[in-house]
Amino acid sequence: MFRALFFIVKISFLSAFVLVLGNVVQWNGKTVSDQVKVHLSYAEKAKDWAKDLISDAKKGASRKSAAPVAPVKRKSENEIISSEKRKLRALLHELNSARSQD
């Protein structure tokens, strides 16, 4: 019984000590308590911003567009390969001409 009472008294004194110390000790011209308040306000702003972002994303995901989006037509693989071949040929030609000038 006395151990539990002693533990409660000890925790109470420790809590009071931390509270007084936080209001007395100054850091960068402000008390530690004020510093904590400032940082918590930044966290609240970030939390509000994140909530707005999530709600906007949910609205966008749930909204169904009136006109369906047409699928993107891609070039066939032969066209992609031939364009790459042209680029490589031009590069080789440029390198060969630079070599012959040396």
N, C-alpha and C. Protein backbone atom coordinates (compact mmCIF):
# COMPACT_ATOMS: atom_id res chain seq x y z
N MET A 1 0.82 -1.18 0.00
CA MET A 1 0.00 0.00 0.00
C MET A 1 0.87 1.26 0.00
N PHE A 2 1.91 1.22 0.87
CA PHE A 2 2.79 2.38 0.94
C PHE A 2 3.62 2.54 -0.34
N ARG A 3 3.95 1.43 -0.96
CA ARG A 3 4.70 1.49 -2.22
C ARG A 3 3.88 2.19 -3.30
N ALA A 4 2.62 1.84 -3.40
CA ALA A 4 1.76 2.46 -4.41
C ALA A 4 1.60 3.96 -4.13
N LEU A 5 1.41 4.31 -2.86
CA LEU A 5 1.28 5.72 -2.49
C LEU A 5 2.58 6.48 -2.77
N PHE A 6 3.71 5.88 -2.42
CA PHE A 6 5.01 6.49 -2.68
C PHE A 6 5.23 6.67 -4.18
N PHE A 7 4.83 5.68 -4.98
CA PHE A 7 4.97 5.75 -6.43
C PHE A 7 4.13 6.90 -6.99
N ILE A 8 2.91 7.07 -6.53
CA ILE A 8 2.02 8.15 -6.99
C ILE A 8 2.61 9.51 -6.62
N VAL A 9 3.13 9.64 -5.39
CA VAL A 9 3.73 10.90 -4.96
C VAL A 9 4.98 11.19 -5.78
N LYS A 10 5.78 10.19 -6.03
CA LYS A 10 7.00 10.36 -6.81
C LYS A 10 6.67 10.81 -8.24
N ILE A 11 5.69 10.22 -8.87
CA ILE A 11 5.28 10.59 -10.23
C ILE A 11 4.71 12.01 -10.24
N SER A 12 3.96 12.37 -9.20
CA SER A 12 3.40 13.72 -9.11
C SER A 12 4.51 14.76 -9.01
N PHE A 13 5.52 14.53 -8.17
CA PHE A 13 6.63 15.46 -8.05
C PHE A 13 7.43 15.56 -9.35
N LEU A 14 7.62 14.45 -10.01
CA LEU A 14 8.34 14.45 -11.28
C LEU A 14 7.58 15.25 -12.33
N SER A 15 6.28 15.07 -12.40
CA SER A 15 5.45 15.82 -13.36
C SER A 15 5.49 17.31 -13.07
N ALA A 16 5.37 17.67 -11.80
CA ALA A 16 5.41 19.09 -11.43
C ALA A 16 6.78 19.68 -11.75
N PHE A 17 7.83 18.94 -11.51
CA PHE A 17 9.19 19.40 -11.80
C PHE A 17 9.38 19.65 -13.30
N VAL A 18 8.90 18.74 -14.12
CA VAL A 18 9.01 18.90 -15.57
C VAL A 18 8.21 20.10 -16.05
N LEU A 19 7.01 20.30 -15.52
CA LEU A 19 6.19 21.45 -15.90
C LEU A 19 6.85 22.78 -15.52
N VAL A 20 7.38 22.85 -14.32
CA VAL A 20 8.05 24.08 -13.88
C VAL A 20 9.31 24.32 -14.69
N LEU A 21 10.07 23.28 -14.93
CA LEU A 21 11.30 23.39 -15.69
C LEU A 21 11.01 23.84 -17.12
N GLY A 22 9.96 23.34 -17.73
CA GLY A 22 9.59 23.72 -19.09
C GLY A 22 9.18 25.18 -19.20
N ASN A 23 8.64 25.74 -18.12
CA ASN A 23 8.22 27.15 -18.15
C ASN A 23 9.32 28.10 -17.69
N VAL A 24 10.38 27.59 -17.09
CA VAL A 24 11.46 28.43 -16.58
C VAL A 24 12.64 28.46 -17.55
N VAL A 25 13.03 27.31 -18.07
CA VAL A 25 14.21 27.21 -18.94
C VAL A 25 13.92 27.89 -20.27
N GLN A 26 14.86 28.75 -20.71
CA GLN A 26 14.68 29.44 -21.99
C GLN A 26 15.67 28.90 -23.01
N TRP A 27 15.19 28.83 -24.26
CA TRP A 27 15.99 28.32 -25.34
C TRP A 27 15.71 29.19 -26.56
N ASN A 28 16.71 29.82 -27.10
CA ASN A 28 16.58 30.76 -28.23
C ASN A 28 15.62 31.90 -27.89
N GLY A 29 15.64 32.39 -26.66
CA GLY A 29 14.81 33.52 -26.25
C GLY A 29 13.39 33.16 -25.91
N LYS A 30 13.02 31.90 -26.00
CA LYS A 30 11.66 31.47 -25.65
C LYS A 30 11.75 30.33 -24.66
N THR A 31 10.70 30.18 -23.86
CA THR A 31 10.69 29.05 -22.94
C THR A 31 10.48 27.76 -23.73
N VAL A 32 10.85 26.67 -23.12
CA VAL A 32 10.69 25.36 -23.76
C VAL A 32 9.22 25.11 -24.06
N SER A 33 8.35 25.54 -23.19
CA SER A 33 6.92 25.37 -23.38
C SER A 33 6.45 26.10 -24.64
N ASP A 34 6.94 27.33 -24.84
CA ASP A 34 6.57 28.09 -26.04
C ASP A 34 7.12 27.43 -27.30
N GLN A 35 8.34 26.91 -27.22
CA GLN A 35 8.92 26.21 -28.36
C GLN A 35 8.07 25.01 -28.76
N VAL A 36 7.60 24.27 -27.77
CA VAL A 36 6.77 23.11 -28.04
C VAL A 36 5.45 23.53 -28.68
N LYS A 37 4.86 24.62 -28.20
CA LYS A 37 3.60 25.11 -28.77
C LYS A 37 3.77 25.49 -30.24
N VAL A 38 4.89 26.15 -30.56
CA VAL A 38 5.14 26.56 -31.95
C VAL A 38 5.26 25.33 -32.85
N HIS A 39 6.01 24.35 -32.40
CA HIS A 39 6.20 23.15 -33.22
C HIS A 39 4.90 22.34 -33.35
N LEU A 40 4.09 22.34 -32.33
CA LEU A 40 2.81 21.65 -32.43
C LEU A 40 1.87 22.36 -33.39
N SER A 41 1.95 23.70 -33.45
CA SER A 41 1.10 24.42 -34.40
C SER A 41 1.51 24.10 -35.83
N TYR A 42 2.82 23.93 -36.09
CA TYR A 42 3.27 23.52 -37.42
C TYR A 42 2.73 22.13 -37.76
N ALA A 43 2.74 21.25 -36.78
CA ALA A 43 2.23 19.90 -37.01
C ALA A 43 0.73 19.92 -37.29
N GLU A 44 0.01 20.79 -36.62
CA GLU A 44 -1.44 20.92 -36.87
C GLU A 44 -1.70 21.41 -38.28
N LYS A 45 -0.91 22.37 -38.75
CA LYS A 45 -1.08 22.87 -40.11
C LYS A 45 -0.82 21.76 -41.12
N ALA A 46 0.22 20.97 -40.88
CA ALA A 46 0.52 19.86 -41.78
C ALA A 46 -0.58 18.81 -41.76
N LYS A 47 -1.14 18.58 -40.58
CA LYS A 47 -2.22 17.61 -40.45
C LYS A 47 -3.46 18.09 -41.21
N ASP A 48 -3.79 19.36 -41.09
CA ASP A 48 -4.93 19.92 -41.82
C ASP A 48 -4.71 19.85 -43.33
N TRP A 49 -3.48 20.15 -43.76
CA TRP A 49 -3.15 20.10 -45.18
C TRP A 49 -3.30 18.67 -45.70
N ALA A 50 -2.84 17.70 -44.92
CA ALA A 50 -2.93 16.31 -45.33
C ALA A 50 -4.39 15.86 -45.41
N LYS A 51 -5.21 16.30 -44.47
CA LYS A 51 -6.64 15.95 -44.50
C LYS A 51 -7.29 16.50 -45.76
N ASP A 52 -6.98 17.76 -46.10
CA ASP A 52 -7.54 18.36 -47.31
C ASP A 52 -7.09 17.61 -48.55
N LEU A 53 -5.83 17.22 -48.57
CA LEU A 53 -5.30 16.49 -49.71
C LEU A 53 -5.98 15.13 -49.86
N ILE A 54 -6.19 14.45 -48.77
CA ILE A 54 -6.84 13.14 -48.81
C ILE A 54 -8.29 13.27 -49.24
N SER A 55 -8.97 14.28 -48.73
CA SER A 55 -10.38 14.45 -49.11
C SER A 55 -10.50 14.81 -50.59
N ASP A 56 -9.57 15.63 -51.11
CA ASP A 56 -9.59 15.95 -52.54
C ASP A 56 -9.33 14.71 -53.38
N ALA A 57 -8.41 13.87 -52.92
CA ALA A 57 -8.11 12.65 -53.66
C ALA A 57 -9.31 11.70 -53.66
N LYS A 58 -10.01 11.62 -52.54
CA LYS A 58 -11.20 10.76 -52.48
C LYS A 58 -12.30 11.28 -53.39
N LYS A 59 -12.46 12.61 -53.43
CA LYS A 59 -13.47 13.18 -54.32
C LYS A 59 -13.12 12.90 -55.77
N GLY A 60 -11.86 13.05 -56.12
CA GLY A 60 -11.43 12.80 -57.49
C GLY A 60 -11.57 11.34 -57.87
N ALA A 61 -11.33 10.45 -56.94
CA ALA A 61 -11.43 9.02 -57.23
C ALA A 61 -12.88 8.59 -57.37
N SER A 62 -13.77 9.22 -56.61
CA SER A 62 -15.17 8.82 -56.66
C SER A 62 -15.93 9.47 -57.81
N ARG A 63 -15.41 10.57 -58.33
CA ARG A 63 -16.08 11.28 -59.42
C ARG A 63 -15.96 10.47 -60.71
N LYS A 64 -17.07 10.33 -61.38
CA LYS A 64 -17.06 9.62 -62.65
C LYS A 64 -17.17 10.67 -63.74
N SER A 65 -16.27 10.60 -64.70
CA SER A 65 -16.28 11.61 -65.76
C SER A 65 -17.45 11.38 -66.70
N ALA A 66 -17.97 12.47 -67.26
CA ALA A 66 -19.12 12.40 -68.16
C ALA A 66 -18.73 11.76 -69.48
N ALA A 67 -17.57 12.11 -70.00
CA ALA A 67 -17.13 11.54 -71.27
C ALA A 67 -16.03 10.53 -70.99
N PRO A 68 -16.16 9.33 -71.54
CA PRO A 68 -15.10 8.34 -71.31
C PRO A 68 -13.81 8.76 -72.01
N VAL A 69 -12.72 8.43 -71.42
CA VAL A 69 -11.42 8.80 -71.95
C VAL A 69 -11.04 7.80 -73.03
N ALA A 70 -10.64 8.29 -74.19
CA ALA A 70 -10.24 7.42 -75.29
C ALA A 70 -8.87 6.84 -74.99
N PRO A 71 -8.65 5.58 -75.33
CA PRO A 71 -7.34 4.98 -75.09
C PRO A 71 -6.27 5.64 -75.96
N VAL A 72 -5.08 5.70 -75.44
CA VAL A 72 -3.97 6.32 -76.16
C VAL A 72 -3.47 5.34 -77.21
N LYS A 73 -3.37 5.82 -78.44
CA LYS A 73 -2.85 4.97 -79.51
C LYS A 73 -1.34 5.09 -79.52
N ARG A 74 -0.69 3.96 -79.52
CA ARG A 74 0.76 3.94 -79.52
C ARG A 74 1.26 3.49 -80.89
N LYS A 75 2.45 3.91 -81.17
CA LYS A 75 3.07 3.47 -82.41
C LYS A 75 3.41 1.99 -82.31
N SER A 76 3.45 1.37 -83.44
CA SER A 76 3.83 -0.05 -83.41
C SER A 76 5.30 -0.16 -83.06
N GLU A 77 5.71 -1.32 -82.64
CA GLU A 77 7.10 -1.50 -82.20
C GLU A 77 8.06 -1.33 -83.36
N ASN A 78 7.64 -1.64 -84.59
CA ASN A 78 8.53 -1.47 -85.73
C ASN A 78 8.88 -0.01 -85.94
N GLU A 79 7.93 0.88 -85.75
CA GLU A 79 8.20 2.30 -85.90
C GLU A 79 9.17 2.79 -84.83
N ILE A 80 8.99 2.30 -83.63
CA ILE A 80 9.89 2.70 -82.54
C ILE A 80 11.30 2.21 -82.84
N ILE A 81 11.41 0.99 -83.30
CA ILE A 81 12.72 0.43 -83.59
C ILE A 81 13.37 1.17 -84.75
N SER A 82 12.62 1.48 -85.79
CA SER A 82 13.21 2.17 -86.93
C SER A 82 13.67 3.57 -86.55
N SER A 83 12.92 4.25 -85.70
CA SER A 83 13.36 5.58 -85.27
C SER A 83 14.63 5.49 -84.44
N GLU A 84 14.72 4.48 -83.64
CA GLU A 84 15.93 4.29 -82.84
C GLU A 84 17.11 3.97 -83.75
N LYS A 85 16.85 3.18 -84.80
CA LYS A 85 17.92 2.86 -85.74
C LYS A 85 18.42 4.12 -86.43
N ARG A 86 17.49 5.00 -86.80
CA ARG A 86 17.89 6.24 -87.45
C ARG A 86 18.76 7.09 -86.51
N LYS A 87 18.37 7.15 -85.26
CA LYS A 87 19.15 7.92 -84.30
C LYS A 87 20.54 7.34 -84.13
N LEU A 88 20.62 6.01 -84.06
CA LEU A 88 21.92 5.36 -83.89
C LEU A 88 22.80 5.57 -85.12
N ARG A 89 22.20 5.47 -86.32
CA ARG A 89 22.97 5.68 -87.55
C ARG A 89 23.52 7.10 -87.59
N ALA A 90 22.70 8.07 -87.21
CA ALA A 90 23.16 9.46 -87.20
C ALA A 90 24.29 9.65 -86.20
N LEU A 91 24.18 9.01 -85.06
CA LEU A 91 25.22 9.11 -84.04
C LEU A 91 26.52 8.47 -84.53
N LEU A 92 26.42 7.29 -85.16
CA LEU A 92 27.61 6.63 -85.69
C LEU A 92 28.26 7.46 -86.79
N HIS A 93 27.43 8.03 -87.64
CA HIS A 93 27.95 8.88 -88.71
C HIS A 93 28.70 10.08 -88.12
N GLU A 94 28.13 10.66 -87.08
CA GLU A 94 28.74 11.82 -86.43
C GLU A 94 30.07 11.43 -85.77
N LEU A 95 30.09 10.26 -85.13
CA LEU A 95 31.35 9.79 -84.49
C LEU A 95 32.41 9.48 -85.53
N ASN A 96 32.01 8.86 -86.63
CA ASN A 96 32.98 8.53 -87.68
C ASN A 96 33.56 9.80 -88.30
N SER A 97 32.72 10.80 -88.51
CA SER A 97 33.23 12.04 -89.10
C SER A 97 34.15 12.76 -88.13
N ALA A 98 33.86 12.68 -86.85
CA ALA A 98 34.75 13.32 -85.85
C ALA A 98 36.07 12.57 -85.78
N ARG A 99 36.09 11.25 -85.98
CA ARG A 99 37.30 10.45 -85.96
C ARG A 99 38.17 10.76 -87.17
N SER A 100 37.54 10.90 -88.29
CA SER A 100 38.31 11.15 -89.50
C SER A 100 38.96 12.54 -89.47
N GLN A 101 38.39 13.48 -88.73
CA GLN A 101 38.97 14.81 -88.64
C GLN A 101 40.20 14.81 -87.74
N ASP A 102 40.31 13.87 -86.80
CA ASP A 102 41.46 13.81 -85.89
C ASP A 102 42.63 13.28 -86.59
